[in-house]
Amino acid sequence: GSGLWTDRRGANLLDGGAPFYDTYECADGGFVAVGALEPQ
């Protein structure tokens, strides 16, 4: 309602659309979860 969310998958702040709120594969095939939302 505030224009901060798009009604499409993977295009938003909390649905994996933002690269700083997502999961990433590591050298051994494992994954890490990243939730670095705030600038600090």
PDB file of all heavy atoms in Angstrom:
ATOM      1  N   GLY A   1       0.797  -1.220   0.000  1.00  0.00           N
ATOM      2  CA  GLY A   1       0.000   0.000   0.000  1.00  0.00           C
ATOM      3  C   GLY A   1       0.828   1.268   0.000  1.00  0.00           C
ATOM      4  O   GLY A   1       0.342   2.343  -0.387  1.00  0.00           O
ATOM      5  N   SER A   2       2.097   1.136   0.430  1.00  0.00           N
ATOM      6  CA  SER A   2       2.983   2.307   0.458  1.00  0.00           C
ATOM      7  C   SER A   2       3.861   2.406  -0.788  1.00  0.00           C
ATOM      8  O   SER A   2       4.726   3.278  -0.866  1.00  0.00           O
ATOM      9  CB  SER A   2       3.885   2.236   1.700  1.00  0.00           C
ATOM     10  OG  SER A   2       3.115   2.197   2.876  1.00  0.00           O
ATOM     11  N   GLY A   3       3.645   1.488  -1.723  1.00  0.00           N
ATOM     12  CA  GLY A   3       4.439   1.511  -2.947  1.00  0.00           C
ATOM     13  C   GLY A   3       5.825   0.927  -2.782  1.00  0.00           C
ATOM     14  O   GLY A   3       6.687   1.106  -3.660  1.00  0.00           O
ATOM     15  N   LEU A   4       6.053   0.212  -1.669  1.00  0.00           N
ATOM     16  CA  LEU A   4       7.373  -0.368  -1.407  1.00  0.00           C
ATOM     17  C   LEU A   4       7.449  -1.844  -1.762  1.00  0.00           C
ATOM     18  O   LEU A   4       8.485  -2.467  -1.549  1.00  0.00           O
ATOM     19  CB  LEU A   4       7.741  -0.173   0.067  1.00  0.00           C
ATOM     20  CG  LEU A   4       7.806   1.282   0.548  1.00  0.00           C
ATOM     21  CD1 LEU A   4       8.060   1.331   2.049  1.00  0.00           C
ATOM     22  CD2 LEU A   4       8.889   2.038  -0.211  1.00  0.00           C
ATOM     23  N   TRP A   5       6.363  -2.395  -2.288  1.00  0.00           N
ATOM     24  CA  TRP A   5       6.323  -3.827  -2.629  1.00  0.00           C
ATOM     25  C   TRP A   5       5.698  -3.984  -4.006  1.00  0.00           C
ATOM     26  O   TRP A   5       4.665  -3.389  -4.299  1.00  0.00           O
ATOM     27  CB  TRP A   5       5.503  -4.599  -1.597  1.00  0.00           C
ATOM     28  CG  TRP A   5       5.638  -6.099  -1.715  1.00  0.00           C
ATOM     29  CD1 TRP A   5       4.900  -6.932  -2.504  1.00  0.00           C
ATOM     30  CD2 TRP A   5       6.551  -6.931  -1.009  1.00  0.00           C
ATOM     31  NE1 TRP A   5       5.312  -8.223  -2.344  1.00  0.00           N
ATOM     32  CE2 TRP A   5       6.322  -8.259  -1.426  1.00  0.00           C
ATOM     33  CE3 TRP A   5       7.553  -6.692  -0.057  1.00  0.00           C
ATOM     34  CZ2 TRP A   5       7.051  -9.348  -0.930  1.00  0.00           C
ATOM     35  CZ3 TRP A   5       8.276  -7.766   0.437  1.00  0.00           C
ATOM     36  CH2 TRP A   5       8.023  -9.072   0.002  1.00  0.00           C
ATOM     37  N   THR A   6       6.319  -4.789  -4.826  1.00  0.00           N
ATOM     38  CA  THR A   6       5.805  -5.106  -6.152  1.00  0.00           C
ATOM     39  C   THR A   6       5.177  -6.489  -6.111  1.00  0.00           C
ATOM     40  O   THR A   6       5.763  -7.417  -5.555  1.00  0.00           O
ATOM     41  CB  THR A   6       6.942  -5.098  -7.189  1.00  0.00           C
ATOM     42  OG1 THR A   6       7.553  -3.807  -7.194  1.00  0.00           O
ATOM     43  CG2 THR A   6       6.406  -5.402  -8.581  1.00  0.00           C
ATOM     44  N   ASP A   7       4.007  -6.624  -6.713  1.00  0.00           N
ATOM     45  CA  ASP A   7       3.287  -7.893  -6.651  1.00  0.00           C
ATOM     46  C   ASP A   7       3.864  -8.901  -7.645  1.00  0.00           C
ATOM     47  O   ASP A   7       3.161  -9.456  -8.491  1.00  0.00           O
ATOM     48  CB  ASP A   7       1.800  -7.653  -6.921  1.00  0.00           C
ATOM     49  CG  ASP A   7       0.923  -8.772  -6.358  1.00  0.00           C
ATOM     50  OD1 ASP A   7       1.472  -9.681  -5.717  1.00  0.00           O
ATOM     51  OD2 ASP A   7      -0.300  -8.722  -6.569  1.00  0.00           O
ATOM     52  N   ARG A   8       5.163  -9.120  -7.515  1.00  0.00           N
ATOM     53  CA  ARG A   8       5.880 -10.095  -8.347  1.00  0.00           C
ATOM     54  C   ARG A   8       6.892 -10.830  -7.474  1.00  0.00           C
ATOM     55  O   ARG A   8       7.518 -10.221  -6.598  1.00  0.00           O
ATOM     56  CB  ARG A   8       6.614  -9.411  -9.508  1.00  0.00           C
ATOM     57  CG  ARG A   8       5.694  -8.838 -10.582  1.00  0.00           C
ATOM     58  CD  ARG A   8       6.493  -8.262 -11.752  1.00  0.00           C
ATOM     59  NE  ARG A   8       7.207  -7.039 -11.394  1.00  0.00           N
ATOM     60  CZ  ARG A   8       8.522  -6.936 -11.277  1.00  0.00           C
ATOM     61  NH1 ARG A   8       9.286  -8.004 -11.464  1.00  0.00           N
ATOM     62  NH2 ARG A   8       9.088  -5.784 -10.958  1.00  0.00           N
ATOM     63  N   ARG A   9       7.057 -12.124  -7.698  1.00  0.00           N
ATOM     64  CA  ARG A   9       8.017 -12.910  -6.934  1.00  0.00           C
ATOM     65  C   ARG A   9       9.450 -12.465  -7.201  1.00  0.00           C
ATOM     66  O   ARG A   9       9.827 -12.135  -8.327  1.00  0.00           O
ATOM     67  CB  ARG A   9       7.905 -14.402  -7.293  1.00  0.00           C
ATOM     68  CG  ARG A   9       6.774 -15.120  -6.634  1.00  0.00           C
ATOM     69  CD  ARG A   9       6.840 -16.619  -6.904  1.00  0.00           C
ATOM     70  NE  ARG A   9       6.728 -16.947  -8.310  1.00  0.00           N
ATOM     71  CZ  ARG A   9       5.613 -16.932  -9.011  1.00  0.00           C
ATOM     72  NH1 ARG A   9       4.477 -16.597  -8.413  1.00  0.00           N
ATOM     73  NH2 ARG A   9       5.612 -17.246 -10.286  1.00  0.00           N
ATOM     74  N   GLY A  10      10.256 -12.511  -6.148  1.00  0.00           N
ATOM     75  CA  GLY A  10      11.677 -12.267  -6.286  1.00  0.00           C
ATOM     76  C   GLY A  10      12.047 -10.874  -6.738  1.00  0.00           C
ATOM     77  O   GLY A  10      13.099 -10.674  -7.360  1.00  0.00           O
ATOM     78  N   ALA A  11      11.198  -9.900  -6.405  1.00  0.00           N
ATOM     79  CA  ALA A  11      11.457  -8.536  -6.869  1.00  0.00           C
ATOM     80  C   ALA A  11      11.456  -7.530  -5.728  1.00  0.00           C
ATOM     81  O   ALA A  11      11.480  -6.328  -5.976  1.00  0.00           O
ATOM     82  CB  ALA A  11      10.405  -8.128  -7.909  1.00  0.00           C
ATOM     83  N   ASN A  12      11.468  -8.028  -4.498  1.00  0.00           N
ATOM     84  CA  ASN A  12      11.261  -7.143  -3.358  1.00  0.00           C
ATOM     85  C   ASN A  12      12.325  -7.320  -2.284  1.00  0.00           C
ATOM     86  O   ASN A  12      13.192  -8.189  -2.370  1.00  0.00           O
ATOM     87  CB  ASN A  12       9.866  -7.402  -2.777  1.00  0.00           C
ATOM     88  CG  ASN A  12       8.772  -7.140  -3.776  1.00  0.00           C
ATOM     89  OD1 ASN A  12       8.437  -6.000  -4.065  1.00  0.00           O
ATOM     90  ND2 ASN A  12       8.215  -8.206  -4.330  1.00  0.00           N
ATOM     91  N   LEU A  13      12.199  -6.514  -1.273  1.00  0.00           N
ATOM     92  CA  LEU A  13      13.213  -6.432  -0.240  1.00  0.00           C
ATOM     93  C   LEU A  13      13.377  -7.731   0.538  1.00  0.00           C
ATOM     94  O   LEU A  13      14.485  -8.115   0.915  1.00  0.00           O
ATOM     95  CB  LEU A  13      12.865  -5.284   0.719  1.00  0.00           C
ATOM     96  CG  LEU A  13      13.941  -4.805   1.685  1.00  0.00           C
ATOM     97  CD1 LEU A  13      15.127  -4.236   0.920  1.00  0.00           C
ATOM     98  CD2 LEU A  13      13.366  -3.752   2.636  1.00  0.00           C
ATOM     99  N   LEU A  14      12.259  -8.444   0.802  1.00  0.00           N
ATOM    100  CA  LEU A  14      12.304  -9.586   1.707  1.00  0.00           C
ATOM    101  C   LEU A  14      12.025 -10.923   1.026  1.00  0.00           C
ATOM    102  O   LEU A  14      11.847 -11.934   1.714  1.00  0.00           O
ATOM    103  CB  LEU A  14      11.293  -9.377   2.849  1.00  0.00           C
ATOM    104  CG  LEU A  14      11.479  -8.106   3.683  1.00  0.00           C
ATOM    105  CD1 LEU A  14      10.360  -7.977   4.703  1.00  0.00           C
ATOM    106  CD2 LEU A  14      12.830  -8.105   4.377  1.00  0.00           C
ATOM    107  N   ASP A  15      11.961 -10.955  -0.286  1.00  0.00           N
ATOM    108  CA  ASP A  15      11.619 -12.194  -0.989  1.00  0.00           C
ATOM    109  C   ASP A  15      12.756 -12.727  -1.855  1.00  0.00           C
ATOM    110  O   ASP A  15      12.539 -13.537  -2.761  1.00  0.00           O
ATOM    111  CB  ASP A  15      10.368 -11.996  -1.849  1.00  0.00           C
ATOM    112  CG  ASP A  15      10.550 -10.957  -2.953  1.00  0.00           C
ATOM    113  OD1 ASP A  15      11.658 -10.383  -3.060  1.00  0.00           O
ATOM    114  OD2 ASP A  15       9.584 -10.726  -3.708  1.00  0.00           O
ATOM    115  N   GLY A  16      13.979 -12.296  -1.553  1.00  0.00           N
ATOM    116  CA  GLY A  16      15.122 -12.716  -2.353  1.00  0.00           C
ATOM    117  C   GLY A  16      15.434 -11.794  -3.505  1.00  0.00           C
ATOM    118  O   GLY A  16      16.421 -12.000  -4.224  1.00  0.00           O
ATOM    119  N   GLY A  17      14.617 -10.773  -3.680  1.00  0.00           N
ATOM    120  CA  GLY A  17      14.882  -9.819  -4.761  1.00  0.00           C
ATOM    121  C   GLY A  17      16.072  -8.928  -4.466  1.00  0.00           C
ATOM    122  O   GLY A  17      16.819  -8.555  -5.365  1.00  0.00           O
ATOM    123  N   ALA A  18      16.256  -8.597  -3.182  1.00  0.00           N
ATOM    124  CA  ALA A  18      17.388  -7.766  -2.782  1.00  0.00           C
ATOM    125  C   ALA A  18      18.610  -8.654  -2.557  1.00  0.00           C
ATOM    126  O   ALA A  18      18.528  -9.653  -1.843  1.00  0.00           O
ATOM    127  CB  ALA A  18      17.055  -6.998  -1.506  1.00  0.00           C
ATOM    128  N   PRO A  19      19.760  -8.326  -3.139  1.00  0.00           N
ATOM    129  CA  PRO A  19      20.941  -9.191  -2.999  1.00  0.00           C
ATOM    130  C   PRO A  19      21.472  -9.280  -1.573  1.00  0.00           C
ATOM    131  O   PRO A  19      22.188 -10.226  -1.246  1.00  0.00           O
ATOM    132  CB  PRO A  19      21.962  -8.538  -3.932  1.00  0.00           C
ATOM    133  CG  PRO A  19      21.491  -7.137  -4.132  1.00  0.00           C
ATOM    134  CD  PRO A  19      20.003  -7.185  -4.030  1.00  0.00           C
ATOM    135  N   PHE A  20      21.118  -8.337  -0.722  1.00  0.00           N
ATOM    136  CA  PHE A  20      21.590  -8.360   0.661  1.00  0.00           C
ATOM    137  C   PHE A  20      20.584  -9.034   1.594  1.00  0.00           C
ATOM    138  O   PHE A  20      20.727  -8.980   2.805  1.00  0.00           O
ATOM    139  CB  PHE A  20      21.895  -6.937   1.149  1.00  0.00           C
ATOM    140  CG  PHE A  20      20.826  -5.931   0.804  1.00  0.00           C
ATOM    141  CD1 PHE A  20      19.739  -5.743   1.629  1.00  0.00           C
ATOM    142  CD2 PHE A  20      20.915  -5.175  -0.357  1.00  0.00           C
ATOM    143  CE1 PHE A  20      18.747  -4.841   1.312  1.00  0.00           C
ATOM    144  CE2 PHE A  20      19.925  -4.253  -0.683  1.00  0.00           C
ATOM    145  CZ  PHE A  20      18.841  -4.089   0.147  1.00  0.00           C
ATOM    146  N   TYR A  21      19.556  -9.680   1.024  1.00  0.00           N
ATOM    147  CA  TYR A  21      18.603 -10.469   1.802  1.00  0.00           C
ATOM    148  C   TYR A  21      18.288 -11.719   0.993  1.00  0.00           C
ATOM    149  O   TYR A  21      17.261 -11.834   0.334  1.00  0.00           O
ATOM    150  CB  TYR A  21      17.324  -9.672   2.086  1.00  0.00           C
ATOM    151  CG  TYR A  21      16.499 -10.245   3.226  1.00  0.00           C
ATOM    152  CD1 TYR A  21      16.712  -9.825   4.534  1.00  0.00           C
ATOM    153  CD2 TYR A  21      15.512 -11.195   2.989  1.00  0.00           C
ATOM    154  CE1 TYR A  21      15.964 -10.342   5.578  1.00  0.00           C
ATOM    155  CE2 TYR A  21      14.759 -11.719   4.023  1.00  0.00           C
ATOM    156  CZ  TYR A  21      14.988 -11.291   5.323  1.00  0.00           C
ATOM    157  OH  TYR A  21      14.245 -11.813   6.359  1.00  0.00           O
ATOM    158  N   ASP A  22      19.229 -12.667   1.037  1.00  0.00           N
ATOM    159  CA  ASP A  22      19.125 -13.836   0.175  1.00  0.00           C
ATOM    160  C   ASP A  22      20.070 -14.926   0.687  1.00  0.00           C
ATOM    161  O   ASP A  22      20.733 -14.744   1.722  1.00  0.00           O
ATOM    162  CB  ASP A  22      19.472 -13.459  -1.272  1.00  0.00           C
ATOM    163  CG  ASP A  22      18.810 -14.389  -2.293  1.00  0.00           C
ATOM    164  OD1 ASP A  22      18.276 -15.441  -1.895  1.00  0.00           O
ATOM    165  OD2 ASP A  22      18.846 -14.065  -3.498  1.00  0.00           O
ATOM    166  N   THR A  23      20.114 -16.034  -0.012  1.00  0.00           N
ATOM    167  CA  THR A  23      21.043 -17.109   0.323  1.00  0.00           C
ATOM    168  C   THR A  23      22.089 -17.232  -0.775  1.00  0.00           C
ATOM    169  O   THR A  23      21.811 -16.958  -1.948  1.00  0.00           O
ATOM    170  CB  THR A  23      20.319 -18.454   0.480  1.00  0.00           C
ATOM    171  OG1 THR A  23      19.641 -18.772  -0.747  1.00  0.00           O
ATOM    172  CG2 THR A  23      19.317 -18.391   1.621  1.00  0.00           C
ATOM    173  N   TYR A  24      23.303 -17.678  -0.377  1.00  0.00           N
ATOM    174  CA  TYR A  24      24.406 -17.805  -1.333  1.00  0.00           C
ATOM    175  C   TYR A  24      25.129 -19.127  -1.140  1.00  0.00           C
ATOM    176  O   TYR A  24      25.352 -19.580  -0.010  1.00  0.00           O
ATOM    177  CB  TYR A  24      25.385 -16.639  -1.163  1.00  0.00           C
ATOM    178  CG  TYR A  24      24.820 -15.325  -1.647  1.00  0.00           C
ATOM    179  CD1 TYR A  24      24.150 -14.473  -0.756  1.00  0.00           C
ATOM    180  CD2 TYR A  24      24.920 -14.955  -2.979  1.00  0.00           C
ATOM    181  CE1 TYR A  24      23.606 -13.277  -1.196  1.00  0.00           C
ATOM    182  CE2 TYR A  24      24.380 -13.754  -3.430  1.00  0.00           C
ATOM    183  CZ  TYR A  24      23.725 -12.923  -2.536  1.00  0.00           C
ATOM    184  OH  TYR A  24      23.177 -11.742  -2.983  1.00  0.00           O
ATOM    185  N   GLU A  25      25.507 -19.720  -2.274  1.00  0.00           N
ATOM    186  CA  GLU A  25      26.242 -20.974  -2.242  1.00  0.00           C
ATOM    187  C   GLU A  25      27.708 -20.715  -1.922  1.00  0.00           C
ATOM    188  O   GLU A  25      28.283 -19.701  -2.334  1.00  0.00           O
ATOM    189  CB  GLU A  25      26.132 -21.694  -3.584  1.00  0.00           C
ATOM    190  CG  GLU A  25      26.733 -23.089  -3.565  1.00  0.00           C
ATOM    191  CD  GLU A  25      26.474 -23.869  -4.843  1.00  0.00           C
ATOM    192  OE1 GLU A  25      25.882 -23.291  -5.780  1.00  0.00           O
ATOM    193  OE2 GLU A  25      26.873 -25.052  -4.910  1.00  0.00           O
ATOM    194  N   CYS A  26      28.294 -21.661  -1.196  1.00  0.00           N
ATOM    195  CA  CYS A  26      29.693 -21.544  -0.797  1.00  0.00           C
ATOM    196  C   CYS A  26      30.539 -22.602  -1.510  1.00  0.00           C
ATOM    197  O   CYS A  26      30.027 -23.413  -2.293  1.00  0.00           O
ATOM    198  CB  CYS A  26      29.823 -21.695   0.717  1.00  0.00           C
ATOM    199  SG  CYS A  26      28.823 -20.491   1.647  1.00  0.00           S
ATOM    200  N   ALA A  27      31.825 -22.596  -1.230  1.00  0.00           N
ATOM    201  CA  ALA A  27      32.758 -23.445  -1.967  1.00  0.00           C
ATOM    202  C   ALA A  27      32.460 -24.930  -1.813  1.00  0.00           C
ATOM    203  O   ALA A  27      32.762 -25.729  -2.708  1.00  0.00           O
ATOM    204  CB  ALA A  27      34.179 -23.154  -1.498  1.00  0.00           C
ATOM    205  N   ASP A  28      31.885 -25.334  -0.703  1.00  0.00           N
ATOM    206  CA  ASP A  28      31.622 -26.749  -0.446  1.00  0.00           C
ATOM    207  C   ASP A  28      30.206 -27.171  -0.818  1.00  0.00           C
ATOM    208  O   ASP A  28      29.788 -28.297  -0.536  1.00  0.00           O
ATOM    209  CB  ASP A  28      31.868 -27.064   1.026  1.00  0.00           C
ATOM    210  CG  ASP A  28      30.989 -26.228   1.955  1.00  0.00           C
ATOM    211  OD1 ASP A  28      30.411 -25.220   1.486  1.00  0.00           O
ATOM    212  OD2 ASP A  28      30.876 -26.573   3.148  1.00  0.00           O
ATOM    213  N   GLY A  29      29.453 -26.284  -1.457  1.00  0.00           N
ATOM    214  CA  GLY A  29      28.074 -26.593  -1.811  1.00  0.00           C
ATOM    215  C   GLY A  29      27.076 -26.249  -0.732  1.00  0.00           C
ATOM    216  O   GLY A  29      25.865 -26.368  -0.948  1.00  0.00           O
ATOM    217  N   GLY A  30      27.564 -25.832   0.436  1.00  0.00           N
ATOM    218  CA  GLY A  30      26.673 -25.363   1.488  1.00  0.00           C
ATOM    219  C   GLY A  30      26.200 -23.952   1.186  1.00  0.00           C
ATOM    220  O   GLY A  30      26.657 -23.309   0.234  1.00  0.00           O
ATOM    221  N   PHE A  31      25.295 -23.461   2.023  1.00  0.00           N
ATOM    222  CA  PHE A  31      24.739 -22.126   1.798  1.00  0.00           C
ATOM    223  C   PHE A  31      24.807 -21.297   3.073  1.00  0.00           C
ATOM    224  O   PHE A  31      24.833 -21.828   4.184  1.00  0.00           O
ATOM    225  CB  PHE A  31      23.268 -22.222   1.355  1.00  0.00           C
ATOM    226  CG  PHE A  31      23.096 -22.702  -0.059  1.00  0.00           C
ATOM    227  CD1 PHE A  31      23.145 -24.056  -0.354  1.00  0.00           C
ATOM    228  CD2 PHE A  31      22.901 -21.802  -1.097  1.00  0.00           C
ATOM    229  CE1 PHE A  31      22.991 -24.511  -1.654  1.00  0.00           C
ATOM    230  CE2 PHE A  31      22.747 -22.242  -2.396  1.00  0.00           C
ATOM    231  CZ  PHE A  31      22.797 -23.607  -2.678  1.00  0.00           C
ATOM    232  N   VAL A  32      24.847 -19.990   2.867  1.00  0.00           N
ATOM    233  CA  VAL A  32      24.702 -19.048   3.973  1.00  0.00           C
ATOM    234  C   VAL A  32      23.481 -18.176   3.708  1.00  0.00           C
ATOM    235  O   VAL A  32      23.096 -17.952   2.556  1.00  0.00           O
ATOM    236  CB  VAL A  32      25.949 -18.148   4.149  1.00  0.00           C
ATOM    237  CG1 VAL A  32      27.145 -18.962   4.601  1.00  0.00           C
ATOM    238  CG2 VAL A  32      26.249 -17.377   2.870  1.00  0.00           C
ATOM    239  N   ALA A  33      22.866 -17.717   4.790  1.00  0.00           N
ATOM    240  CA  ALA A  33      21.744 -16.795   4.705  1.00  0.00           C
ATOM    241  C   ALA A  33      22.243 -15.400   5.053  1.00  0.00           C
ATOM    242  O   ALA A  33      22.936 -15.219   6.056  1.00  0.00           O
ATOM    243  CB  ALA A  33      20.639 -17.218   5.662  1.00  0.00           C
ATOM    244  N   VAL A  34      21.895 -14.430   4.227  1.00  0.00           N
ATOM    245  CA  VAL A  34      22.326 -13.047   4.418  1.00  0.00           C
ATOM    246  C   VAL A  34      21.099 -12.181   4.647  1.00  0.00           C
ATOM    247  O   VAL A  34      20.163 -12.190   3.842  1.00  0.00           O
ATOM    248  CB  VAL A  34      23.118 -12.540   3.199  1.00  0.00           C
ATOM    249  CG1 VAL A  34      23.479 -11.065   3.367  1.00  0.00           C
ATOM    250  CG2 VAL A  34      24.364 -13.385   2.994  1.00  0.00           C
ATOM    251  N   GLY A  35      21.096 -11.431   5.760  1.00  0.00           N
ATOM    252  CA  GLY A  35      19.979 -10.542   6.064  1.00  0.00           C
ATOM    253  C   GLY A  35      20.449  -9.150   6.441  1.00  0.00           C
ATOM    254  O   GLY A  35      19.959  -8.554   7.402  1.00  0.00           O
ATOM    255  N   ALA A  36      21.401  -8.627   5.667  1.00  0.00           N
ATOM    256  CA  ALA A  36      22.036  -7.341   5.991  1.00  0.00           C
ATOM    257  C   ALA A  36      21.188  -6.176   5.485  1.00  0.00           C
ATOM    258  O   ALA A  36      21.577  -5.450   4.564  1.00  0.00           O
ATOM    259  CB  ALA A  36      23.440  -7.296   5.394  1.00  0.00           C
ATOM    260  N   LEU A  37      20.042  -5.968   6.097  1.00  0.00           N
ATOM    261  CA  LEU A  37      19.112  -4.942   5.626  1.00  0.00           C
ATOM    262  C   LEU A  37      19.577  -3.523   5.936  1.00  0.00           C
ATOM    263  O   LEU A  37      19.595  -2.657   5.052  1.00  0.00           O
ATOM    264  CB  LEU A  37      17.735  -5.180   6.238  1.00  0.00           C
ATOM    265  CG  LEU A  37      16.920  -6.355   5.684  1.00  0.00           C
ATOM    266  CD1 LEU A  37      15.689  -6.584   6.543  1.00  0.00           C
ATOM    267  CD2 LEU A  37      16.514  -6.080   4.239  1.00  0.00           C
ATOM    268  N   GLU A  38      19.938  -3.267   7.190  1.00  0.00           N
ATOM    269  CA  GLU A  38      20.304  -1.909   7.586  1.00  0.00           C
ATOM    270  C   GLU A  38      21.700  -1.567   7.055  1.00  0.00           C
ATOM    271  O   GLU A  38      22.564  -2.445   6.918  1.00  0.00           O
ATOM    272  CB  GLU A  38      20.256  -1.776   9.102  1.00  0.00           C
ATOM    273  CG  GLU A  38      18.836  -1.820   9.668  1.00  0.00           C
ATOM    274  CD  GLU A  38      18.266  -3.227   9.794  1.00  0.00           C
ATOM    275  OE1 GLU A  38      18.989  -4.208   9.474  1.00  0.00           O
ATOM    276  OE2 GLU A  38      17.106  -3.359  10.201  1.00  0.00           O
ATOM    277  N   PRO A  39      21.945  -0.280   6.766  1.00  0.00           N
ATOM    278  CA  PRO A  39      23.231   0.123   6.185  1.00  0.00           C
ATOM    279  C   PRO A  39      24.436  -0.309   7.007  1.00  0.00           C
ATOM    280  O   PRO A  39      25.457  -0.724   6.448  1.00  0.00           O
ATOM    281  CB  PRO A  39      23.118   1.652   6.117  1.00  0.00           C
ATOM    282  CG  PRO A  39      21.648   1.912   5.975  1.00  0.00           C
ATOM    283  CD  PRO A  39      20.990   0.859   6.812  1.00  0.00           C
ATOM    284  N   GLN A  40      24.354  -0.236   8.334  1.00  0.00           N
ATOM    285  CA  GLN A  40      25.494  -0.629   9.157  1.00  0.00           C
ATOM    286  C   GLN A  40      25.754  -2.130   9.069  1.00  0.00           C
ATOM    287  O   GLN A  40      26.912  -2.580   9.131  1.00  0.00           O
ATOM    288  CB  GLN A  40      25.312  -0.184  10.617  1.00  0.00           C
ATOM    289  CG  GLN A  40      24.194  -0.862  11.377  1.00  0.00           C
ATOM    290  CD  GLN A  40      22.852  -0.158  11.230  1.00  0.00           C
ATOM    291  OE1 GLN A  40      22.585   0.473  10.205  1.00  0.00           O
ATOM    292  NE2 GLN A  40      22.011  -0.268  12.261  1.00  0.00           N
TER     293      GLN A  40
END
